[in-house]
Amino acid sequence: MSQPPLSPRPLSQLQPGQSARITGLDGGSAAYRQRLLAFGLIPGTAFTLTRVAPLGDPVEVRLRGYTLTLRRDEAAILRIETL
């Protein structure tokens, strides 16, 4: 029996090495959401959190064959579900 889907949560709750899938974007300006979409951060995309800086900002994710570094406040609008 499969488990029910988890409610979307922020990227800040992941630890390095964990994988997740983007479920949506929450907040931020329309222009910034469009920028994240252009980077490939679209709903349904799986990624792995590869690194978090010592003070927690920025974070590095690996998706679609490349690595992307985001500031913590930028990453805060991503809603995810763990894999």
C-alpha atoms as a PDB file:
ATOM      1  CA  MET A   1       0.000   0.000   0.000  1.00  0.00           C
ATOM      2  CA  SER A   2       1.450   3.387  -0.954  1.00  0.00           C
ATOM      3  CA  GLN A   3       1.813   6.190   1.539  1.00  0.00           C
ATOM      4  CA  PRO A   4      -0.274   9.352   1.176  1.00  0.00           C
ATOM      5  CA  PRO A   5       1.614  12.296  -0.296  1.00  0.00           C
ATOM      6  CA  LEU A   6       3.339  14.542   2.202  1.00  0.00           C
ATOM      7  CA  SER A   7       2.241  18.138   2.500  1.00  0.00           C
ATOM      8  CA  PRO A   8       4.538  20.583   0.719  1.00  0.00           C
ATOM      9  CA  ARG A   9       7.312  21.942   2.897  1.00  0.00           C
ATOM     10  CA  PRO A  10      10.170  24.422   2.490  1.00  0.00           C
ATOM     11  CA  LEU A  11      13.596  23.506   1.159  1.00  0.00           C
ATOM     12  CA  SER A  12      15.165  24.644   4.438  1.00  0.00           C
ATOM     13  CA  GLN A  13      13.956  21.420   6.080  1.00  0.00           C
ATOM     14  CA  LEU A  14      16.226  19.228   3.905  1.00  0.00           C
ATOM     15  CA  GLN A  15      19.665  18.001   4.930  1.00  0.00           C
ATOM     16  CA  PRO A  16      22.595  17.670   2.464  1.00  0.00           C
ATOM     17  CA  GLY A  17      22.312  14.441   0.497  1.00  0.00           C
ATOM     18  CA  GLN A  18      18.507  14.302   0.684  1.00  0.00           C
ATOM     19  CA  SER A  19      16.454  14.297  -2.497  1.00  0.00           C
ATOM     20  CA  ALA A  20      13.107  15.937  -3.075  1.00  0.00           C
ATOM     21  CA  ARG A  21      10.655  16.938  -5.778  1.00  0.00           C
ATOM     22  CA  ILE A  22       9.373  20.450  -6.352  1.00  0.00           C
ATOM     23  CA  THR A  23       5.611  20.671  -5.820  1.00  0.00           C
ATOM     24  CA  GLY A  24       5.212  24.385  -6.423  1.00  0.00           C
ATOM     25  CA  LEU A  25       6.325  27.928  -5.743  1.00  0.00           C
ATOM     26  CA  ASP A  26       4.870  29.934  -2.877  1.00  0.00           C
ATOM     27  CA  GLY A  27       5.312  33.699  -2.720  1.00  0.00           C
ATOM     28  CA  GLY A  28       7.897  35.947  -4.276  1.00  0.00           C
ATOM     29  CA  SER A  29       7.329  38.313  -7.160  1.00  0.00           C
ATOM     30  CA  ALA A  30       6.073  37.046 -10.496  1.00  0.00           C
ATOM     31  CA  ALA A  31       9.380  38.029 -12.101  1.00  0.00           C
ATOM     32  CA  TYR A  32      11.366  36.047  -9.539  1.00  0.00           C
ATOM     33  CA  ARG A  33       9.122  32.979  -9.877  1.00  0.00           C
ATOM     34  CA  GLN A  34       9.656  33.185 -13.640  1.00  0.00           C
ATOM     35  CA  ARG A  35      13.428  33.313 -13.075  1.00  0.00           C
ATOM     36  CA  LEU A  36      13.326  30.137 -10.957  1.00  0.00           C
ATOM     37  CA  LEU A  37      11.226  28.417 -13.619  1.00  0.00           C
ATOM     38  CA  ALA A  38      13.836  29.429 -16.230  1.00  0.00           C
ATOM     39  CA  PHE A  39      16.496  27.739 -14.077  1.00  0.00           C
ATOM     40  CA  GLY A  40      14.513  24.505 -14.385  1.00  0.00           C
ATOM     41  CA  LEU A  41      12.917  24.613 -10.926  1.00  0.00           C
ATOM     42  CA  ILE A  42       9.479  23.612 -12.184  1.00  0.00           C
ATOM     43  CA  PRO A  43       6.892  21.494 -10.372  1.00  0.00           C
ATOM     44  CA  GLY A  44       7.662  17.801 -10.747  1.00  0.00           C
ATOM     45  CA  THR A  45      11.435  18.285 -10.997  1.00  0.00           C
ATOM     46  CA  ALA A  46      13.520  16.080  -8.699  1.00  0.00           C
ATOM     47  CA  PHE A  47      16.726  17.440  -7.156  1.00  0.00           C
ATOM     48  CA  THR A  48      19.294  16.685  -4.457  1.00  0.00           C
ATOM     49  CA  LEU A  49      20.476  19.164  -1.845  1.00  0.00           C
ATOM     50  CA  THR A  50      24.244  18.869  -2.184  1.00  0.00           C
ATOM     51  CA  ARG A  51      25.590  21.539   0.173  1.00  0.00           C
ATOM     52  CA  VAL A  52      24.614  24.144   2.717  1.00  0.00           C
ATOM     53  CA  ALA A  53      27.098  26.894   3.607  1.00  0.00           C
ATOM     54  CA  PRO A  54      28.351  26.922   7.220  1.00  0.00           C
ATOM     55  CA  LEU A  55      25.961  29.702   8.242  1.00  0.00           C
ATOM     56  CA  GLY A  56      23.085  28.172   6.260  1.00  0.00           C
ATOM     57  CA  ASP A  57      23.234  30.539   3.307  1.00  0.00           C
ATOM     58  CA  PRO A  58      23.550  29.810   0.366  1.00  0.00           C
ATOM     59  CA  VAL A  59      22.388  26.299  -0.494  1.00  0.00           C
ATOM     60  CA  GLU A  60      23.455  24.212  -3.482  1.00  0.00           C
ATOM     61  CA  VAL A  61      21.132  21.846  -5.340  1.00  0.00           C
ATOM     62  CA  ARG A  62      21.797  19.407  -8.175  1.00  0.00           C
ATOM     63  CA  LEU A  63      19.108  19.007 -10.793  1.00  0.00           C
ATOM     64  CA  ARG A  64      18.822  18.208 -14.490  1.00  0.00           C
ATOM     65  CA  GLY A  65      22.569  17.528 -14.739  1.00  0.00           C
ATOM     66  CA  TYR A  66      23.811  20.813 -13.282  1.00  0.00           C
ATOM     67  CA  THR A  67      24.413  22.469  -9.921  1.00  0.00           C
ATOM     68  CA  LEU A  68      22.552  25.597  -8.857  1.00  0.00           C
ATOM     69  CA  THR A  69      23.328  27.790  -5.852  1.00  0.00           C
ATOM     70  CA  LEU A  70      20.476  29.756  -4.276  1.00  0.00           C
ATOM     71  CA  ARG A  71      20.287  32.185  -1.398  1.00  0.00           C
ATOM     72  CA  ARG A  72      18.207  30.943   1.509  1.00  0.00           C
ATOM     73  CA  ASP A  73      15.508  33.592   0.964  1.00  0.00           C
ATOM     74  CA  GLU A  74      15.368  32.721  -2.744  1.00  0.00           C
ATOM     75  CA  ALA A  75      15.008  29.011  -1.988  1.00  0.00           C
ATOM     76  CA  ALA A  76      12.299  29.736   0.605  1.00  0.00           C
ATOM     77  CA  ILE A  77       9.599  30.080  -2.049  1.00  0.00           C
ATOM     78  CA  LEU A  78      10.124  26.496  -3.294  1.00  0.00           C
ATOM     79  CA  ARG A  79       7.680  23.942  -1.889  1.00  0.00           C
ATOM     80  CA  ILE A  80       8.909  20.364  -1.961  1.00  0.00           C
ATOM     81  CA  GLU A  81       8.123  16.769  -1.028  1.00  0.00           C
ATOM     82  CA  THR A  82      10.903  14.394  -0.030  1.00  0.00           C
ATOM     83  CA  LEU A  83      11.615  11.323  -2.143  1.00  0.00           C
END
